[in-house]
All heavy atoms as atom14 arrays in JSON, in Angstrom:
{
  "sequence": "VRWAAPVLVFTAEEVWGTRFPDGGSVHLLEWPEVPLVA",
  "atom14_mask": [
    [1, 1, 1, 1, 1, 1, 1, 0, 0, 0, 0, 0, 0, 0],
    [1, 1, 1, 1, 1, 1, 1, 1, 1, 1, 1, 0, 0, 0],
    [1, 1, 1, 1, 1, 1, 1, 1, 1, 1, 1, 1, 1, 1],
    [1, 1, 1, 1, 1, 0, 0, 0, 0, 0, 0, 0, 0, 0],
    [1, 1, 1, 1, 1, 0, 0, 0, 0, 0, 0, 0, 0, 0],
    [1, 1, 1, 1, 1, 1, 1, 0, 0, 0, 0, 0, 0, 0],
    [1, 1, 1, 1, 1, 1, 1, 0, 0, 0, 0, 0, 0, 0],
    [1, 1, 1, 1, 1, 1, 1, 1, 0, 0, 0, 0, 0, 0],
    [1, 1, 1, 1, 1, 1, 1, 0, 0, 0, 0, 0, 0, 0],
    [1, 1, 1, 1, 1, 1, 1, 1, 1, 1, 1, 0, 0, 0],
    [1, 1, 1, 1, 1, 1, 1, 0, 0, 0, 0, 0, 0, 0],
    [1, 1, 1, 1, 1, 0, 0, 0, 0, 0, 0, 0, 0, 0],
    [1, 1, 1, 1, 1, 1, 1, 1, 1, 0, 0, 0, 0, 0],
    [1, 1, 1, 1, 1, 1, 1, 1, 1, 0, 0, 0, 0, 0],
    [1, 1, 1, 1, 1, 1, 1, 0, 0, 0, 0, 0, 0, 0],
    [1, 1, 1, 1, 1, 1, 1, 1, 1, 1, 1, 1, 1, 1],
    [1, 1, 1, 1, 0, 0, 0, 0, 0, 0, 0, 0, 0, 0],
    [1, 1, 1, 1, 1, 1, 1, 0, 0, 0, 0, 0, 0, 0],
    [1, 1, 1, 1, 1, 1, 1, 1, 1, 1, 1, 0, 0, 0],
    [1, 1, 1, 1, 1, 1, 1, 1, 1, 1, 1, 0, 0, 0],
    [1, 1, 1, 1, 1, 1, 1, 0, 0, 0, 0, 0, 0, 0],
    [1, 1, 1, 1, 1, 1, 1, 1, 0, 0, 0, 0, 0, 0],
    [1, 1, 1, 1, 0, 0, 0, 0, 0, 0, 0, 0, 0, 0],
    [1, 1, 1, 1, 0, 0, 0, 0, 0, 0, 0, 0, 0, 0],
    [1, 1, 1, 1, 1, 1, 0, 0, 0, 0, 0, 0, 0, 0],
    [1, 1, 1, 1, 1, 1, 1, 0, 0, 0, 0, 0, 0, 0],
    [1, 1, 1, 1, 1, 1, 1, 1, 1, 1, 0, 0, 0, 0],
    [1, 1, 1, 1, 1, 1, 1, 1, 0, 0, 0, 0, 0, 0],
    [1, 1, 1, 1, 1, 1, 1, 1, 0, 0, 0, 0, 0, 0],
    [1, 1, 1, 1, 1, 1, 1, 1, 1, 0, 0, 0, 0, 0],
    [1, 1, 1, 1, 1, 1, 1, 1, 1, 1, 1, 1, 1, 1],
    [1, 1, 1, 1, 1, 1, 1, 0, 0, 0, 0, 0, 0, 0],
    [1, 1, 1, 1, 1, 1, 1, 1, 1, 0, 0, 0, 0, 0],
    [1, 1, 1, 1, 1, 1, 1, 0, 0, 0, 0, 0, 0, 0],
    [1, 1, 1, 1, 1, 1, 1, 0, 0, 0, 0, 0, 0, 0],
    [1, 1, 1, 1, 1, 1, 1, 1, 0, 0, 0, 0, 0, 0],
    [1, 1, 1, 1, 1, 1, 1, 0, 0, 0, 0, 0, 0, 0],
    [1, 1, 1, 1, 1, 0, 0, 0, 0, 0, 0, 0, 0, 0]
  ],
  "atom14_positions": [
    [[-42.9, -10.42, 53.93], [-44.19, -10.5, 53.21], [-44.87, -11.83, 53.49], [-46.1, -11.92, 53.57], [-43.99, -10.27, 51.71], [-43.37, -11.46, 51.03], [-45.3, -9.91, 51.02], [0.0, 0.0, 0.0], [0.0, 0.0, 0.0], [0.0, 0.0, 0.0], [0.0, 0.0, 0.0], [0.0, 0.0, 0.0], [0.0, 0.0, 0.0], [0.0, 0.0, 0.0]],
    [[-44.07, -12.89, 53.67], [-44.67, -14.18, 54.01], [-45.14, -14.21, 55.47], [-46.19, -14.77, 55.77], [-43.67, -15.3, 53.74], [-43.42, -15.61, 52.28], [-42.18, -16.5, 52.14], [-42.02, -17.07, 50.82], [-41.45, -16.43, 49.78], [-41.01, -15.21, 49.95], [-41.3, -17.03, 48.62], [0.0, 0.0, 0.0], [0.0, 0.0, 0.0], [0.0, 0.0, 0.0]],
    [[-44.3, -13.67, 56.34], [-44.71, -13.63, 57.76], [-45.98, -12.82, 57.95], [-46.84, -13.16, 58.77], [-43.61, -12.98, 58.6], [-42.37, -13.83, 58.77], [-42.28, -15.18, 58.7], [-41.04, -13.36, 59.06], [-40.98, -15.59, 58.9], [-40.2, -14.53, 59.11], [-40.47, -12.1, 59.24], [-38.83, -14.42, 59.39], [-39.12, -11.99, 59.51], [-38.31, -13.15, 59.58]],
    [[-46.12, -11.74, 57.2], [-47.28, -10.84, 57.4], [-48.52, -11.34, 56.69], [-49.63, -10.94, 57.03], [-46.92, -9.46, 56.86], [0.0, 0.0, 0.0], [0.0, 0.0, 0.0], [0.0, 0.0, 0.0], [0.0, 0.0, 0.0], [0.0, 0.0, 0.0], [0.0, 0.0, 0.0], [0.0, 0.0, 0.0], [0.0, 0.0, 0.0], [0.0, 0.0, 0.0]],
    [[-48.38, -12.24, 55.7], [-49.49, -12.67, 54.89], [-50.69, -13.21, 55.7], [-51.84, -12.86, 55.37], [-49.05, -13.69, 53.86], [0.0, 0.0, 0.0], [0.0, 0.0, 0.0], [0.0, 0.0, 0.0], [0.0, 0.0, 0.0], [0.0, 0.0, 0.0], [0.0, 0.0, 0.0], [0.0, 0.0, 0.0], [0.0, 0.0, 0.0], [0.0, 0.0, 0.0]],
    [[-50.51, -14.06, 56.72], [-51.69, -14.55, 57.45], [-52.4, -13.45, 58.25], [-53.56, -13.64, 58.6], [-51.08, -15.61, 58.39], [-49.75, -15.93, 57.84], [-49.26, -14.67, 57.18], [0.0, 0.0, 0.0], [0.0, 0.0, 0.0], [0.0, 0.0, 0.0], [0.0, 0.0, 0.0], [0.0, 0.0, 0.0], [0.0, 0.0, 0.0], [0.0, 0.0, 0.0]],
    [[-51.69, -12.36, 58.52], [-52.25, -11.27, 59.33], [-52.79, -10.17, 58.42], [-53.98, -9.8, 58.47], [-51.21, -10.7, 60.29], [-51.85, -9.6, 61.19], [-50.6, -11.81, 61.13], [0.0, 0.0, 0.0], [0.0, 0.0, 0.0], [0.0, 0.0, 0.0], [0.0, 0.0, 0.0], [0.0, 0.0, 0.0], [0.0, 0.0, 0.0], [0.0, 0.0, 0.0]],
    [[-51.91, -9.61, 57.6], [-52.3, -8.53, 56.68], [-52.55, -9.13, 55.31], [-51.75, -8.99, 54.37], [-51.19, -7.46, 56.64], [-50.73, -6.9, 57.99], [-49.63, -5.88, 57.79], [-51.91, -6.26, 58.72], [0.0, 0.0, 0.0], [0.0, 0.0, 0.0], [0.0, 0.0, 0.0], [0.0, 0.0, 0.0], [0.0, 0.0, 0.0], [0.0, 0.0, 0.0]],
    [[-53.69, -9.8, 55.2], [-53.97, -10.62, 54.03], [-53.93, -9.82, 52.74], [-53.26, -10.19, 51.76], [-55.34, -11.32, 54.19], [-55.69, -12.06, 52.92], [-55.31, -12.25, 55.39], [0.0, 0.0, 0.0], [0.0, 0.0, 0.0], [0.0, 0.0, 0.0], [0.0, 0.0, 0.0], [0.0, 0.0, 0.0], [0.0, 0.0, 0.0], [0.0, 0.0, 0.0]],
    [[-54.65, -8.73, 52.71], [-54.76, -7.96, 51.47], [-53.53, -7.13, 51.21], [-53.09, -6.95, 50.07], [-56.01, -7.07, 51.53], [-57.29, -7.85, 51.65], [-57.97, -7.92, 52.87], [-57.83, -8.53, 50.57], [-59.14, -8.67, 52.98], [-58.98, -9.25, 50.66], [-59.64, -9.32, 51.87], [0.0, 0.0, 0.0], [0.0, 0.0, 0.0], [0.0, 0.0, 0.0]],
    [[-52.94, -6.55, 52.26], [-51.72, -5.76, 52.11], [-50.58, -6.61, 51.59], [-49.84, -6.21, 50.7], [-51.36, -5.13, 53.44], [-52.43, -4.31, 53.93], [-50.11, -4.27, 53.3], [0.0, 0.0, 0.0], [0.0, 0.0, 0.0], [0.0, 0.0, 0.0], [0.0, 0.0, 0.0], [0.0, 0.0, 0.0], [0.0, 0.0, 0.0], [0.0, 0.0, 0.0]],
    [[-50.41, -7.81, 52.17], [-49.32, -8.67, 51.73], [-49.52, -9.07, 50.25], [-48.54, -9.12, 49.49], [-49.26, -9.93, 52.58], [0.0, 0.0, 0.0], [0.0, 0.0, 0.0], [0.0, 0.0, 0.0], [0.0, 0.0, 0.0], [0.0, 0.0, 0.0], [0.0, 0.0, 0.0], [0.0, 0.0, 0.0], [0.0, 0.0, 0.0], [0.0, 0.0, 0.0]],
    [[-50.74, -9.3, 49.86], [-51.01, -9.67, 48.44], [-50.69, -8.48, 47.55], [-50.11, -8.62, 46.47], [-52.47, -10.07, 48.3], [-52.83, -10.6, 46.94], [-52.41, -12.07, 46.75], [-51.53, -12.58, 47.52], [-52.93, -12.71, 45.85], [0.0, 0.0, 0.0], [0.0, 0.0, 0.0], [0.0, 0.0, 0.0], [0.0, 0.0, 0.0], [0.0, 0.0, 0.0]],
    [[-51.03, -7.28, 47.99], [-50.74, -6.08, 47.22], [-49.23, -5.84, 47.1], [-48.71, -5.54, 46.03], [-51.39, -4.87, 47.87], [-51.11, -3.54, 47.2], [-51.62, -2.35, 47.97], [-52.11, -2.54, 49.13], [-51.5, -1.21, 47.44], [0.0, 0.0, 0.0], [0.0, 0.0, 0.0], [0.0, 0.0, 0.0], [0.0, 0.0, 0.0], [0.0, 0.0, 0.0]],
    [[-48.53, -5.99, 48.22], [-47.09, -5.82, 48.22], [-46.41, -6.82, 47.3], [-45.54, -6.46, 46.49], [-46.54, -5.91, 49.66], [-45.03, -5.96, 49.66], [-47.02, -4.73, 50.49], [0.0, 0.0, 0.0], [0.0, 0.0, 0.0], [0.0, 0.0, 0.0], [0.0, 0.0, 0.0], [0.0, 0.0, 0.0], [0.0, 0.0, 0.0], [0.0, 0.0, 0.0]],
    [[-46.77, -8.07, 47.43], [-46.16, -9.11, 46.62], [-46.44, -8.88, 45.13], [-45.56, -8.98, 44.28], [-46.69, -10.5, 47.04], [-46.16, -11.61, 46.25], [-46.77, -12.28, 45.22], [-44.86, -12.22, 46.37], [-45.95, -13.27, 44.72], [-44.76, -13.27, 45.4], [-43.77, -12.0, 47.23], [-43.65, -14.03, 45.26], [-42.64, -12.79, 47.08], [-42.58, -13.8, 46.11]],
    [[-47.68, -8.55, 44.8], [-48.06, -8.32, 43.41], [-47.39, -7.11, 42.83], [-47.2, -7.04, 41.63], [0.0, 0.0, 0.0], [0.0, 0.0, 0.0], [0.0, 0.0, 0.0], [0.0, 0.0, 0.0], [0.0, 0.0, 0.0], [0.0, 0.0, 0.0], [0.0, 0.0, 0.0], [0.0, 0.0, 0.0], [0.0, 0.0, 0.0], [0.0, 0.0, 0.0]],
    [[-47.1, -6.12, 43.66], [-46.44, -4.91, 43.16], [-45.01, -5.22, 42.69], [-44.58, -4.75, 41.65], [-46.39, -3.83, 44.28], [-47.72, -3.47, 44.65], [-45.66, -2.6, 43.8], [0.0, 0.0, 0.0], [0.0, 0.0, 0.0], [0.0, 0.0, 0.0], [0.0, 0.0, 0.0], [0.0, 0.0, 0.0], [0.0, 0.0, 0.0], [0.0, 0.0, 0.0]],
    [[-44.33, -6.06, 43.46], [-42.94, -6.38, 43.09], [-42.91, -7.52, 42.03], [-42.05, -7.52, 41.17], [-42.16, -6.79, 44.31], [-40.67, -6.96, 43.98], [-39.8, -7.25, 45.14], [-38.43, -7.45, 44.7], [-37.49, -8.11, 45.35], [-37.77, -8.62, 46.56], [-36.27, -8.23, 44.87], [0.0, 0.0, 0.0], [0.0, 0.0, 0.0], [0.0, 0.0, 0.0]],
    [[-43.83, -8.46, 42.17], [-43.83, -9.62, 41.27], [-45.25, -9.73, 40.63], [-46.05, -10.55, 41.07], [-43.47, -10.9, 42.0], [-42.11, -10.86, 42.63], [-42.0, -10.82, 44.03], [-40.97, -10.89, 41.88], [-40.76, -10.8, 44.63], [-39.73, -10.86, 42.49], [-39.62, -10.8, 43.87], [0.0, 0.0, 0.0], [0.0, 0.0, 0.0], [0.0, 0.0, 0.0]],
    [[-45.52, -8.93, 39.63], [-46.88, -8.93, 39.02], [-47.28, -10.28, 38.49], [-48.47, -10.59, 38.46], [-46.75, -7.9, 37.88], [-45.59, -7.03, 38.28], [-44.63, -7.93, 38.97], [0.0, 0.0, 0.0], [0.0, 0.0, 0.0], [0.0, 0.0, 0.0], [0.0, 0.0, 0.0], [0.0, 0.0, 0.0], [0.0, 0.0, 0.0], [0.0, 0.0, 0.0]],
    [[-46.33, -11.07, 38.06], [-46.62, -12.4, 37.5], [-46.23, -13.52, 38.47], [-46.04, -14.67, 38.07], [-45.88, -12.59, 36.16], [-46.29, -11.55, 35.13], [-47.47, -11.18, 35.09], [-45.37, -11.09, 34.41], [0.0, 0.0, 0.0], [0.0, 0.0, 0.0], [0.0, 0.0, 0.0], [0.0, 0.0, 0.0], [0.0, 0.0, 0.0], [0.0, 0.0, 0.0]],
    [[-46.14, -13.16, 39.74], [-45.63, -14.12, 40.73], [-46.71, -14.93, 41.44], [-46.42, -15.57, 42.45], [0.0, 0.0, 0.0], [0.0, 0.0, 0.0], [0.0, 0.0, 0.0], [0.0, 0.0, 0.0], [0.0, 0.0, 0.0], [0.0, 0.0, 0.0], [0.0, 0.0, 0.0], [0.0, 0.0, 0.0], [0.0, 0.0, 0.0], [0.0, 0.0, 0.0]],
    [[-47.96, -14.85, 40.97], [-49.01, -15.59, 41.64], [-49.41, -14.94, 42.95], [-49.13, -13.75, 43.18], [0.0, 0.0, 0.0], [0.0, 0.0, 0.0], [0.0, 0.0, 0.0], [0.0, 0.0, 0.0], [0.0, 0.0, 0.0], [0.0, 0.0, 0.0], [0.0, 0.0, 0.0], [0.0, 0.0, 0.0], [0.0, 0.0, 0.0], [0.0, 0.0, 0.0]],
    [[-50.02, -15.71, 43.82], [-50.51, -15.18, 45.09], [-49.48, -15.47, 46.2], [-48.88, -16.53, 46.28], [-51.82, -15.82, 45.48], [-52.21, -15.47, 46.83], [0.0, 0.0, 0.0], [0.0, 0.0, 0.0], [0.0, 0.0, 0.0], [0.0, 0.0, 0.0], [0.0, 0.0, 0.0], [0.0, 0.0, 0.0], [0.0, 0.0, 0.0], [0.0, 0.0, 0.0]],
    [[-49.29, -14.49, 47.07], [-48.39, -14.68, 48.2], [-48.89, -15.78, 49.13], [-48.11, -16.42, 49.84], [-48.24, -13.33, 48.99], [-49.52, -12.96, 49.69], [-47.11, -13.43, 50.01], [0.0, 0.0, 0.0], [0.0, 0.0, 0.0], [0.0, 0.0, 0.0], [0.0, 0.0, 0.0], [0.0, 0.0, 0.0], [0.0, 0.0, 0.0], [0.0, 0.0, 0.0]],
    [[-50.2, -16.01, 49.1], [-50.79, -17.01, 50.01], [-50.56, -18.43, 49.54], [-50.96, -19.37, 50.22], [-52.27, -16.72, 50.19], [-52.53, -15.34, 50.73], [-52.16, -14.95, 51.99], [-53.08, -14.24, 50.15], [-52.48, -13.69, 52.19], [-53.04, -13.23, 51.08], [0.0, 0.0, 0.0], [0.0, 0.0, 0.0], [0.0, 0.0, 0.0], [0.0, 0.0, 0.0]],
    [[-49.95, -18.59, 48.38], [-49.59, -19.92, 47.9], [-48.11, -20.23, 48.14], [-47.61, -21.28, 47.74], [-49.93, -20.07, 46.42], [-51.38, -19.93, 46.05], [-51.58, -20.05, 44.54], [-52.25, -20.94, 46.8], [0.0, 0.0, 0.0], [0.0, 0.0, 0.0], [0.0, 0.0, 0.0], [0.0, 0.0, 0.0], [0.0, 0.0, 0.0], [0.0, 0.0, 0.0]],
    [[-47.4, -19.29, 48.79], [-45.98, -19.49, 49.03], [-45.77, -20.21, 50.38], [-46.63, -20.23, 51.25], [-45.28, -18.12, 49.12], [-45.4, -17.22, 47.87], [-44.72, -15.89, 48.14], [-44.77, -17.91, 46.67], [0.0, 0.0, 0.0], [0.0, 0.0, 0.0], [0.0, 0.0, 0.0], [0.0, 0.0, 0.0], [0.0, 0.0, 0.0], [0.0, 0.0, 0.0]],
    [[-44.62, -20.84, 50.49], [-44.24, -21.53, 51.7], [-43.63, -20.55, 52.7], [-43.31, -19.43, 52.39], [-43.25, -22.68, 51.39], [-43.8, -23.74, 50.47], [-44.92, -24.55, 51.12], [-44.92, -24.65, 52.36], [-45.77, -25.11, 50.38], [0.0, 0.0, 0.0], [0.0, 0.0, 0.0], [0.0, 0.0, 0.0], [0.0, 0.0, 0.0], [0.0, 0.0, 0.0]],
    [[-43.43, -21.03, 53.91], [-42.72, -20.24, 54.92], [-41.36, -19.86, 54.39], [-40.71, -20.67, 53.72], [-42.58, -21.08, 56.21], [-42.03, -20.33, 57.37], [-40.72, -20.17, 57.68], [-42.75, -19.68, 58.4], [-40.58, -19.46, 58.85], [-41.81, -19.15, 59.32], [-44.12, -19.5, 58.66], [-42.18, -18.43, 60.46], [-44.5, -18.79, 59.8], [-43.54, -18.26, 60.69]],
    [[-40.85, -18.68, 54.64], [-39.6, -18.22, 54.05], [-38.39, -19.07, 54.49], [-38.34, -19.53, 55.62], [-39.47, -16.78, 54.54], [-40.26, -16.72, 55.79], [-41.41, -17.65, 55.56], [0.0, 0.0, 0.0], [0.0, 0.0, 0.0], [0.0, 0.0, 0.0], [0.0, 0.0, 0.0], [0.0, 0.0, 0.0], [0.0, 0.0, 0.0], [0.0, 0.0, 0.0]],
    [[-37.45, -19.18, 53.59], [-36.16, -19.81, 53.92], [-35.2, -18.7, 54.34], [-34.71, -17.94, 53.49], [-35.64, -20.57, 52.71], [-36.48, -21.78, 52.29], [-36.41, -22.87, 53.34], [-35.41, -22.95, 54.09], [-37.38, -23.67, 53.42], [0.0, 0.0, 0.0], [0.0, 0.0, 0.0], [0.0, 0.0, 0.0], [0.0, 0.0, 0.0], [0.0, 0.0, 0.0]],
    [[-34.92, -18.62, 55.62], [-34.05, -17.57, 56.14], [-32.69, -18.18, 56.42], [-32.58, -19.2, 57.11], [-34.65, -16.98, 57.44], [-33.7, -15.97, 58.05], [-36.0, -16.33, 57.16], [0.0, 0.0, 0.0], [0.0, 0.0, 0.0], [0.0, 0.0, 0.0], [0.0, 0.0, 0.0], [0.0, 0.0, 0.0], [0.0, 0.0, 0.0], [0.0, 0.0, 0.0]],
    [[-31.64, -17.56, 55.91], [-30.27, -18.12, 56.16], [-29.93, -18.09, 57.64], [-30.21, -17.1, 58.34], [-29.35, -17.19, 55.35], [-30.12, -15.91, 55.15], [-31.57, -16.34, 55.08], [0.0, 0.0, 0.0], [0.0, 0.0, 0.0], [0.0, 0.0, 0.0], [0.0, 0.0, 0.0], [0.0, 0.0, 0.0], [0.0, 0.0, 0.0], [0.0, 0.0, 0.0]],
    [[-29.36, -19.16, 58.13], [-28.97, -19.26, 59.51], [-27.58, -18.62, 59.68], [-26.57, -19.26, 59.4], [-28.94, -20.73, 59.97], [-30.28, -21.45, 59.93], [-30.11, -22.92, 60.32], [-31.29, -20.79, 60.87], [0.0, 0.0, 0.0], [0.0, 0.0, 0.0], [0.0, 0.0, 0.0], [0.0, 0.0, 0.0], [0.0, 0.0, 0.0], [0.0, 0.0, 0.0]],
    [[-27.58, -17.39, 60.11], [-26.31, -16.65, 60.27], [-26.03, -16.53, 61.74], [-26.73, -15.85, 62.49], [-26.42, -15.26, 59.61], [-25.12, -14.5, 59.8], [-26.75, -15.4, 58.13], [0.0, 0.0, 0.0], [0.0, 0.0, 0.0], [0.0, 0.0, 0.0], [0.0, 0.0, 0.0], [0.0, 0.0, 0.0], [0.0, 0.0, 0.0], [0.0, 0.0, 0.0]],
    [[-24.97, -17.19, 62.18], [-24.57, -17.14, 63.59], [-23.81, -15.84, 63.84], [-23.3, -15.2, 62.9], [-23.7, -18.33, 63.92], [0.0, 0.0, 0.0], [0.0, 0.0, 0.0], [0.0, 0.0, 0.0], [0.0, 0.0, 0.0], [0.0, 0.0, 0.0], [0.0, 0.0, 0.0], [0.0, 0.0, 0.0], [0.0, 0.0, 0.0], [0.0, 0.0, 0.0]]
  ]
}
Protein backbone atom coordinates (compact mmCIF):
# COMPACT_ATOMS: atom_id res chain seq x y z
CA VAL A 1 0.00 0.00 0.00
CA ARG A 2 2.92 2.33 0.63
CA TRP A 3 4.73 1.35 -2.57
CA ALA A 4 1.56 1.89 -4.59
CA ALA A 5 0.55 5.18 -2.93
CA PRO A 6 2.59 7.52 -5.20
CA VAL A 7 1.13 5.78 -8.28
CA LEU A 8 -2.41 4.72 -7.33
CA VAL A 9 -3.09 7.74 -5.17
CA PHE A 10 -6.81 7.34 -4.60
CA THR A 11 -6.86 3.54 -4.58
CA ALA A 12 -4.10 3.34 -1.97
CA GLU A 13 -5.97 5.84 0.21
CA GLU A 14 -9.16 3.81 -0.14
CA VAL A 15 -7.39 0.55 0.68
CA TRP A 16 -5.62 1.99 3.71
CA GLY A 17 -8.78 3.65 5.02
CA THR A 18 -10.76 0.44 4.59
CA ARG A 19 -8.46 -1.48 6.89
CA PHE A 20 -7.56 1.40 9.21
CA PRO A 21 -10.51 3.84 9.26
CA ASP A 22 -8.83 5.91 11.98
CA GLY A 23 -5.32 5.52 10.61
CA GLY A 24 -5.00 8.89 8.90
CA SER A 25 -3.79 9.20 5.32
CA VAL A 26 -1.54 6.65 3.65
CA HIS A 27 0.29 9.57 2.07
CA LEU A 28 1.59 10.67 5.45
CA LEU A 29 3.29 7.32 6.06
CA GLU A 30 6.98 6.62 5.61
CA TRP A 31 8.53 4.06 3.27
CA PRO A 32 7.74 0.57 4.61
CA GLU A 33 10.07 -1.24 6.96
CA VAL A 34 10.59 -4.62 5.28
CA PRO A 35 12.39 -7.34 7.26
CA LEU A 36 15.70 -8.36 5.70
CA VAL A 37 15.24 -12.10 5.30
CA ALA A 38 18.21 -13.83 3.70
